[in-house]
Amino acid sequence: ECLECGNGKFSGKSAATNETDCLLCPDPHHWSPTGSRDVLECVCSYGYTLQDGQCQKCVRGTFKSQPGDGPCTDCRPGTYSEVEGASTIDTCLVCTRNSGSPAGSDHRTDCECMSGFSGSDGGPCVGCAAGKFKASKGSGECVNCPAGKFANTTNSSHCFLCSSGKYSAQIGASSELTCNDCPDKQTSAPGSDELTDCGCILGYHGANGGNCSACLPGSFKDVVGDAACELCDQGSYISFAAATACYDCEENYNTTASGSTQESECLCDVGYYALNGSCSMCLRGKYKAVIGNTPCPTCTNHSDSRAGSVSAQQCKCNVGYTGPDGDFCVACVPGTYKPVSGSSECTNCSSGKYSEVAAADVESKCRSCPSNTTSPAGSSSLM
C-alpha cells in the first residue's frame, strides 16, 4: 500500500519508494494537505497570511483558524488579543465587564469603560452613583448632574430634566423630588435651575418667581413671563379676566378706543350706520366720520360722494358747481362752465362766445357771437 506524504510536504515523483521523496514546502510557515503532489498546493499555515509573497504572522488583534493565503480575521468588538500568529478565536479575550473595544483590538487597554461607568482603560469599570453621569465611553470620571437635572439610578449616561413647571438649584441631585414646583399661576421650561426661571402663565402678569395677577377685562397676555398685559386693540374686546386673546368685533363694527370690555362697545364703523340691527354702508351723497350708530350726514347742496364715504372731504362739488371738498358749493356764474366734479374752478367761455346760463356743466352752453362780432373770454350776455 502506498503512503501519503504528510502535511507540509509534497511529491511529484511517481513510484516513490522512500519518504525522502516527499519534499518540504519552501517556506517553514507553509502548509499543505497530506498527499500533495505539487508545490502549488503549499499555502500559508494556521495563524499566517500571505503578504508580499511570504507568509506573515497574523498581527495582534487578529487570528486565522484555517490554512490558506487569505487574510486574518479581526477579533470581535468587545474583545482583544495580544498574541501574534493566533490560530484560534479563543485567543481573543473578552473585555472586563462594562467596557468595550473596537474590532481588531490588540491590547487590554483598548477596552474602554462604557458611558455610565468610569475607570482606567482596561478596567475595572465602576458604575456612576445616583446623581452623577458619564455621557461618553473612555476613562473619564462621572460628574454631578447640573442644576435643573437629576439622575435617580446608578450607571447613568445622562441626567433627566426637571419637568415643565418645576425648577431645581441643586447640583448632583439623585431624585426628582429635588425639583420644586413653581409658584401658583407660573410655569417654567424643562430643566429650569432657579426660581426666577418661573414666569406667569398666559393671561396673568407679575414678576418671574413672584406673585401673578389675572389680566383685567379689556386686556390680555399671550406669552409666558413677566410681560405686562396688553389692552385689546381698537375693534376688539374681552369681557372676562385672565384672557389670552381678545374677540374681534363683527365686520363693519368697531370700538371707539382700545381696552373695550363688552361686545356692546362694538358700534358701526366710519362709513356705516345702524339699520335694522346691523351696520349698513352710508348711501351715495352721505358720509360718516365717527364710530357709532348715528345716521350718516348728507353732503352739502350741489355736492356728492361715493357710498361708504368716511369724511366730509369726500363730498365733492357737482359739475357746474365749485368750492372746497366738504364745504359749500356755488354755481358757476354765467360766462363760465365746469364739466367735472370736484374743487376745480369754473372755466371761462372762450373769446367770441358767451353764456347767460348759471351752473353750466359743458362748454357747449357757451354760444358763439353773431357774425362779424366778438367778445372777451367769460362773456355772460349777448350785449
Protein backbone atom coordinates (compact mmCIF):
# COMPACT_ATOMS: atom_id res chain seq x y z
CA GLU A 1 0.00 0.00 0.00
CA CYS A 2 1.32 3.48 -0.94
CA LEU A 3 1.69 6.02 1.91
CA GLU A 4 0.77 9.73 1.52
CA CYS A 5 3.29 12.48 2.09
CA GLY A 6 2.50 14.26 5.37
CA ASN A 7 1.23 17.80 5.94
CA GLY A 8 3.64 20.46 4.74
CA LYS A 9 5.20 18.17 2.15
CA PHE A 10 4.61 17.28 -1.46
CA SER A 11 5.97 14.90 -4.08
CA GLY A 12 5.56 14.88 -7.82
CA LYS A 13 7.56 11.68 -8.24
CA SER A 14 5.84 8.55 -9.43
CA ALA A 15 6.72 5.15 -7.93
CA ALA A 16 8.45 6.83 -4.99
CA THR A 17 9.99 4.29 -2.64
CA ASN A 18 11.13 6.46 0.26
CA GLU A 19 9.69 9.21 2.46
CA THR A 20 12.68 11.32 1.49
CA ASP A 21 10.99 11.73 -1.87
CA CYS A 22 8.40 13.89 -0.02
CA LEU A 23 9.80 17.43 -0.24
CA LEU A 24 9.15 20.16 2.37
CA CYS A 25 7.12 23.17 1.30
CA PRO A 26 9.57 26.03 0.54
CA ASP A 27 8.50 28.26 3.49
CA PRO A 28 8.54 26.91 7.05
CA HIS A 29 5.18 28.63 7.57
CA HIS A 30 3.64 26.88 4.60
CA TRP A 31 1.17 24.08 4.96
CA SER A 32 -0.15 21.51 2.51
CA PRO A 33 -2.67 18.70 2.86
CA THR A 34 -1.47 15.10 3.05
CA GLY A 35 -0.77 13.55 -0.30
CA SER A 36 0.10 16.85 -2.01
CA ARG A 37 1.67 16.37 -5.46
CA ASP A 38 2.79 19.89 -6.31
CA VAL A 39 4.45 22.86 -4.63
CA LEU A 40 1.42 24.94 -5.67
CA GLU A 41 -0.56 23.09 -3.01
CA CYS A 42 1.64 24.70 -0.34
CA VAL A 43 -0.26 27.59 1.31
CA CYS A 44 0.17 29.71 4.45
CA SER A 45 -0.39 27.76 7.63
CA TYR A 46 -2.79 28.44 10.55
CA GLY A 47 -2.13 31.90 12.03
CA TYR A 48 -0.32 33.12 8.91
CA THR A 49 -1.37 35.20 5.91
CA LEU A 50 0.28 35.88 2.56
CA GLN A 51 1.91 39.33 2.31
CA ASP A 52 4.46 40.39 -0.31
CA GLY A 53 4.84 36.79 -1.44
CA GLN A 54 5.65 35.47 2.05
CA CYS A 55 3.62 34.01 4.88
CA GLN A 56 3.48 36.51 7.72
CA LYS A 57 2.13 36.04 11.24
CA CYS A 58 -1.35 37.40 11.92
CA VAL A 59 -0.84 40.64 13.84
CA ARG A 60 -2.16 41.07 17.37
CA GLY A 61 -5.89 41.57 17.47
CA THR A 62 -6.43 39.05 14.65
CA PHE A 63 -6.40 35.28 14.09
CA LYS A 64 -6.64 32.74 11.26
CA SER A 65 -8.09 29.34 12.04
CA GLN A 66 -7.76 27.82 8.55
CA PRO A 67 -4.75 27.32 6.26
CA GLY A 68 -4.65 29.36 3.11
CA ASP A 69 -3.34 32.61 1.70
CA GLY A 70 -6.40 34.64 2.76
CA PRO A 71 -6.44 37.48 5.31
CA CYS A 72 -6.52 37.18 9.08
CA THR A 73 -9.81 37.83 10.88
CA ASP A 74 -10.26 40.69 13.38
CA CYS A 75 -11.20 39.86 16.93
CA ARG A 76 -14.82 40.85 17.51
CA PRO A 77 -15.83 44.17 19.15
CA GLY A 78 -15.59 43.88 22.93
CA THR A 79 -12.57 41.53 22.74
CA TYR A 80 -8.80 41.90 22.26
CA SER A 81 -5.74 39.71 21.59
CA GLU A 82 -2.11 40.39 22.41
CA VAL A 83 -0.97 37.22 20.61
CA GLU A 84 0.86 37.26 17.26
CA GLY A 85 0.18 34.42 14.85
CA ALA A 86 -3.04 33.44 16.62
CA SER A 87 -4.72 30.44 15.04
CA THR A 88 -7.96 30.37 17.04
CA ILE A 89 -10.66 32.78 18.14
CA ASP A 90 -10.01 31.62 21.69
CA THR A 91 -7.02 33.97 21.81
CA CYS A 92 -9.48 36.91 21.61
CA LEU A 93 -10.16 37.71 25.26
CA VAL A 94 -13.36 39.42 26.43
CA CYS A 95 -13.00 42.94 27.85
CA THR A 96 -13.73 43.42 31.51
CA ARG A 97 -17.37 43.94 32.44
CA ASN A 98 -18.99 47.25 31.41
CA SER A 99 -16.24 48.06 28.92
CA GLY A 100 -15.88 47.62 25.20
CA SER A 101 -13.38 47.79 22.36
CA PRO A 102 -13.46 48.12 18.57
CA ALA A 103 -12.92 45.12 16.31
CA GLY A 104 -9.27 44.12 15.95
CA SER A 105 -8.16 45.49 19.32
CA ASP A 106 -4.63 44.35 20.20
CA HIS A 107 -4.25 45.35 23.83
CA ARG A 108 -6.24 45.19 27.04
CA THR A 109 -6.16 49.00 27.29
CA ASP A 110 -8.21 49.18 24.10
CA CYS A 111 -11.12 48.18 26.33
CA GLU A 112 -12.72 51.47 27.41
CA CYS A 113 -15.38 51.92 30.09
CA MET A 114 -18.85 52.39 28.61
CA SER A 115 -20.96 55.51 29.16
CA GLY A 116 -22.35 55.46 32.70
CA PHE A 117 -19.18 53.77 34.01
CA SER A 118 -15.76 55.15 34.96
CA GLY A 119 -12.30 53.61 35.32
CA SER A 120 -8.94 53.26 33.62
CA ASP A 121 -8.71 51.82 30.12
CA GLY A 122 -8.56 48.08 30.55
CA GLY A 123 -10.82 48.16 33.62
CA PRO A 124 -12.20 47.61 36.06
CA CYS A 125 -15.17 49.90 35.33
CA VAL A 126 -17.39 51.18 38.16
CA GLY A 127 -20.93 52.48 37.62
CA CYS A 128 -21.72 56.14 38.25
CA ALA A 129 -23.51 56.76 41.53
CA ALA A 130 -27.01 58.22 41.59
CA GLY A 131 -26.81 61.98 40.97
CA LYS A 132 -23.84 61.54 38.62
CA PHE A 133 -23.46 60.64 34.96
CA LYS A 134 -20.90 59.97 32.22
CA ALA A 135 -22.07 60.59 28.68
CA SER A 136 -19.25 59.04 26.64
CA LYS A 137 -17.03 55.97 26.72
CA GLY A 138 -13.44 56.19 27.96
CA SER A 139 -11.51 56.76 31.14
CA GLY A 140 -13.28 59.99 32.12
CA GLU A 141 -14.88 60.39 35.54
CA CYS A 142 -18.53 60.50 36.44
CA VAL A 143 -19.68 64.09 37.06
CA ASN A 144 -22.53 65.64 39.03
CA CYS A 145 -25.81 66.35 37.29
CA PRO A 146 -26.10 70.13 36.84
CA ALA A 147 -28.83 72.18 38.48
CA GLY A 148 -32.21 71.61 36.86
CA LYS A 149 -31.47 67.91 36.30
CA PHE A 150 -31.27 64.66 38.29
CA ALA A 151 -30.18 61.02 37.96
CA ASN A 152 -32.22 58.70 40.15
CA THR A 153 -30.41 55.49 39.14
CA THR A 154 -26.81 54.31 39.05
CA ASN A 155 -24.84 53.77 35.82
CA SER A 156 -26.46 56.83 34.20
CA SER A 157 -25.22 58.08 30.85
CA HIS A 158 -27.36 61.22 31.13
CA CYS A 159 -29.41 63.21 33.61
CA PHE A 160 -33.17 63.77 33.45
CA LEU A 161 -34.62 67.26 33.17
CA CYS A 162 -36.89 68.65 35.84
CA SER A 163 -40.27 68.76 34.11
CA SER A 164 -42.07 71.87 32.91
CA GLY A 165 -43.40 73.96 35.79
CA LYS A 166 -40.58 72.93 38.13
CA TYR A 167 -37.04 74.05 38.94
CA SER A 168 -34.06 72.85 40.99
CA ALA A 169 -30.92 74.68 42.07
CA GLN A 170 -29.34 71.50 43.49
CA ILE A 171 -26.20 70.10 41.85
CA GLY A 172 -25.79 66.32 41.85
CA ALA A 173 -29.48 65.67 42.53
CA SER A 174 -30.40 61.99 42.81
CA SER A 175 -34.19 62.30 42.96
CA GLU A 176 -36.97 64.05 41.09
CA LEU A 177 -38.19 65.23 44.49
CA THR A 178 -35.47 67.91 44.35
CA CYS A 179 -37.44 69.59 41.54
CA ASN A 180 -39.60 72.28 43.20
CA ASP A 181 -42.97 73.46 41.91
CA CYS A 182 -43.15 76.98 40.50
CA PRO A 183 -45.42 79.40 42.42
CA ASP A 184 -49.14 79.44 41.64
CA LYS A 185 -50.04 80.57 38.09
CA GLN A 186 -46.42 80.24 36.97
CA THR A 187 -44.59 77.74 34.78
CA SER A 188 -41.07 77.10 33.51
CA ALA A 189 -39.22 75.33 30.72
CA PRO A 190 -37.95 71.78 31.33
CA GLY A 191 -34.56 71.81 33.09
CA SER A 192 -35.04 75.16 34.85
CA ASP A 193 -32.44 75.72 37.56
CA GLU A 194 -33.67 78.71 39.58
CA LEU A 195 -36.86 80.24 40.90
CA THR A 196 -36.72 83.20 38.51
CA ASP A 197 -37.00 80.78 35.59
CA CYS A 198 -40.66 80.51 36.61
CA GLY A 199 -42.83 83.01 34.74
CA CYS A 200 -46.51 83.96 34.85
CA ILE A 201 -48.68 81.80 32.61
CA LEU A 202 -50.82 83.17 29.76
CA GLY A 203 -53.45 85.59 31.00
CA TYR A 204 -51.51 86.51 34.16
CA HIS A 205 -48.84 89.13 34.86
CA GLY A 206 -46.23 89.67 37.54
CA ALA A 207 -42.53 89.25 38.32
CA ASN A 208 -40.77 85.98 37.50
CA GLY A 209 -40.76 83.82 40.62
CA GLY A 210 -43.22 86.16 42.38
CA ASN A 211 -46.97 86.63 42.57
CA CYS A 212 -49.10 86.65 39.42
CA SER A 213 -52.38 88.52 38.94
CA ALA A 214 -55.02 87.97 36.29
CA CYS A 215 -55.23 90.40 33.39
CA LEU A 216 -58.30 92.63 33.82
CA PRO A 217 -61.23 92.56 31.38
CA GLY A 218 -60.32 94.54 28.29
CA SER A 219 -56.73 93.24 28.36
CA PHE A 220 -54.87 90.02 27.58
CA LYS A 221 -51.46 88.32 27.71
CA ASP A 222 -50.46 85.64 25.21
CA VAL A 223 -46.89 84.89 26.37
CA VAL A 224 -45.31 83.26 29.43
CA GLY A 225 -43.14 85.52 31.60
CA ASP A 226 -43.08 88.91 33.24
CA ALA A 227 -44.55 90.86 30.30
CA ALA A 228 -47.40 93.24 31.08
CA CYS A 229 -50.99 92.63 29.99
CA GLU A 230 -51.90 94.45 26.77
CA LEU A 231 -55.13 96.33 26.10
CA CYS A 232 -57.39 94.86 23.46
CA ASP A 233 -56.79 96.67 20.16
CA GLN A 234 -59.42 99.03 18.84
CA GLY A 235 -62.03 96.88 17.13
CA SER A 236 -61.84 94.08 19.72
CA TYR A 237 -62.98 93.39 23.28
CA ILE A 238 -62.84 90.85 26.13
CA SER A 239 -65.32 90.70 28.97
CA PHE A 240 -63.54 88.37 31.45
CA ALA A 241 -60.27 88.36 33.38
CA ALA A 242 -57.16 86.24 32.65
CA ALA A 243 -57.76 86.39 28.90
CA THR A 244 -55.12 85.16 26.45
CA ALA A 245 -56.70 86.91 23.44
CA CYS A 246 -59.47 89.38 22.57
CA TYR A 247 -62.56 88.83 20.42
CA ASP A 248 -62.82 90.84 17.20
CA CYS A 249 -65.91 92.92 16.55
CA GLU A 250 -68.06 91.70 13.67
CA GLU A 251 -67.42 93.02 10.18
CA ASN A 252 -68.25 96.75 9.74
CA TYR A 253 -68.21 97.24 13.54
CA ASN A 254 -65.52 98.99 15.58
CA THR A 255 -64.85 100.34 19.05
CA THR A 256 -64.08 103.93 19.88
CA ALA A 257 -60.90 103.08 21.82
CA SER A 258 -58.65 100.21 22.87
CA GLY A 259 -59.36 98.19 26.01
CA SER A 260 -63.07 97.53 25.41
CA THR A 261 -64.70 95.06 27.79
CA GLN A 262 -68.12 94.35 26.22
CA GLU A 263 -69.43 93.33 22.82
CA SER A 264 -71.93 96.18 23.16
CA GLU A 265 -68.99 98.58 22.72
CA CYS A 266 -68.73 97.40 19.12
CA LEU A 267 -70.54 100.13 17.14
CA CYS A 268 -70.98 100.87 13.46
CA ASP A 269 -67.66 101.80 11.91
CA VAL A 270 -66.95 105.01 9.98
CA GLY A 271 -68.81 104.93 6.67
CA TYR A 272 -71.58 102.76 8.18
CA TYR A 273 -74.80 103.42 10.12
CA ALA A 274 -77.22 101.33 12.15
CA LEU A 275 -80.16 99.89 10.22
CA ASN A 276 -82.46 97.13 11.41
CA GLY A 277 -79.99 95.76 13.94
CA SER A 278 -76.94 95.74 11.68
CA CYS A 279 -74.50 98.19 10.13
CA SER A 280 -75.16 99.32 6.57
CA MET A 281 -72.92 101.33 4.29
CA CYS A 282 -73.64 105.05 4.02
CA LEU A 283 -75.52 105.76 0.77
CA ARG A 284 -74.16 107.86 -2.05
CA GLY A 285 -74.25 111.54 -1.17
CA LYS A 286 -73.69 110.83 2.51
CA TYR A 287 -70.72 110.18 4.80
CA LYS A 288 -69.90 109.27 8.39
CA ALA A 289 -66.59 110.19 10.01
CA VAL A 290 -67.18 108.84 13.51
CA ILE A 291 -67.71 105.40 15.05
CA GLY A 292 -71.24 104.98 16.35
CA ASN A 293 -74.77 104.03 15.47
CA THR A 294 -75.78 107.53 14.36
CA PRO A 295 -77.15 108.31 10.86
CA CYS A 296 -74.86 109.33 8.02
CA PRO A 297 -74.89 113.13 7.46
CA THR A 298 -75.80 114.37 3.98
CA CYS A 299 -73.27 116.20 1.83
CA THR A 300 -73.91 119.93 1.35
CA ASN A 301 -76.14 121.09 -1.51
CA HIS A 302 -74.80 120.51 -5.02
CA SER A 303 -72.17 118.02 -3.88
CA ASP A 304 -71.98 114.25 -3.93
CA SER A 305 -69.93 111.35 -2.52
CA ARG A 306 -69.43 107.65 -3.11
CA ALA A 307 -71.24 105.10 -0.94
CA GLY A 308 -69.35 104.32 2.28
CA SER A 309 -67.60 107.70 2.46
CA VAL A 310 -65.84 108.29 5.79
CA SER A 311 -65.30 112.07 5.79
CA ALA A 312 -66.93 115.29 4.61
CA GLN A 313 -63.91 115.88 2.34
CA GLN A 314 -65.16 113.01 0.19
CA CYS A 315 -68.14 115.16 -0.67
CA LYS A 316 -67.17 116.88 -3.95
CA CYS A 317 -68.95 119.69 -5.81
CA ASN A 318 -71.07 118.51 -8.75
CA VAL A 319 -70.40 119.54 -12.34
CA GLY A 320 -71.38 123.19 -12.84
CA TYR A 321 -70.53 123.99 -9.20
CA THR A 322 -67.27 124.82 -7.46
CA GLY A 323 -65.93 125.01 -3.92
CA PRO A 324 -63.58 123.22 -1.49
CA ASP A 325 -64.18 119.47 -0.93
CA GLY A 326 -66.55 119.05 2.01
CA ASP A 327 -67.60 122.71 2.00
CA PHE A 328 -70.35 124.78 0.35
CA CYS A 329 -70.61 124.65 -3.43
CA VAL A 330 -71.60 127.68 -5.56
CA ALA A 331 -72.85 127.64 -9.11
CA CYS A 332 -70.55 128.64 -11.94
CA VAL A 333 -71.57 132.20 -12.90
CA PRO A 334 -72.85 132.97 -16.43
CA GLY A 335 -69.95 133.07 -18.89
CA THR A 336 -68.28 130.05 -17.22
CA TYR A 337 -68.71 126.28 -17.04
CA LYS A 338 -67.32 123.23 -15.19
CA PRO A 339 -67.62 119.73 -16.76
CA VAL A 340 -66.06 117.75 -13.89
CA SER A 341 -66.91 117.23 -10.22
CA GLY A 342 -64.51 118.38 -7.51
CA SER A 343 -62.90 121.55 -6.24
CA SER A 344 -61.52 122.87 -9.52
CA GLU A 345 -62.57 126.37 -10.61
CA CYS A 346 -65.09 127.16 -13.31
CA THR A 347 -63.66 127.76 -16.78
CA ASN A 348 -64.39 130.95 -18.79
CA CYS A 349 -66.15 130.67 -22.12
CA SER A 350 -63.53 131.43 -24.77
CA SER A 351 -63.39 134.80 -26.57
CA GLY A 352 -66.05 135.16 -29.23
CA LYS A 353 -68.51 133.22 -27.10
CA TYR A 354 -70.89 133.96 -24.24
CA SER A 355 -73.23 132.16 -21.86
CA GLU A 356 -76.19 133.53 -19.96
CA VAL A 357 -76.63 130.22 -18.03
CA ALA A 358 -75.55 129.77 -14.41
CA ALA A 359 -74.20 126.36 -13.31
CA ALA A 360 -73.21 125.46 -16.88
CA ASP A 361 -71.73 121.98 -16.94
CA VAL A 362 -70.50 121.69 -20.54
CA GLU A 363 -68.67 124.02 -22.94
CA SER A 364 -71.48 123.65 -25.48
CA LYS A 365 -73.51 126.02 -23.33
CA CYS A 366 -71.12 128.78 -24.42
CA ARG A 367 -72.77 130.19 -27.57
CA SER A 368 -70.95 131.90 -30.44
CA CYS A 369 -71.38 135.65 -31.01
CA PRO A 370 -73.27 136.80 -34.17
CA SER A 371 -71.33 137.11 -37.42
CA ASN A 372 -68.73 139.83 -37.58
CA THR A 373 -68.81 140.30 -33.78
CA THR A 374 -66.64 139.08 -30.94
CA SER A 375 -66.49 139.13 -27.15
CA PRO A 376 -63.92 138.79 -24.39
CA ALA A 377 -63.46 135.46 -22.60
CA GLY A 378 -66.01 134.87 -19.87
CA SER A 379 -68.76 136.97 -21.50
CA SER A 380 -72.12 136.46 -19.85
CA SER A 381 -74.53 138.14 -22.28
CA LEU A 382 -75.06 138.93 -25.95
CA MET A 383 -74.99 142.72 -25.25
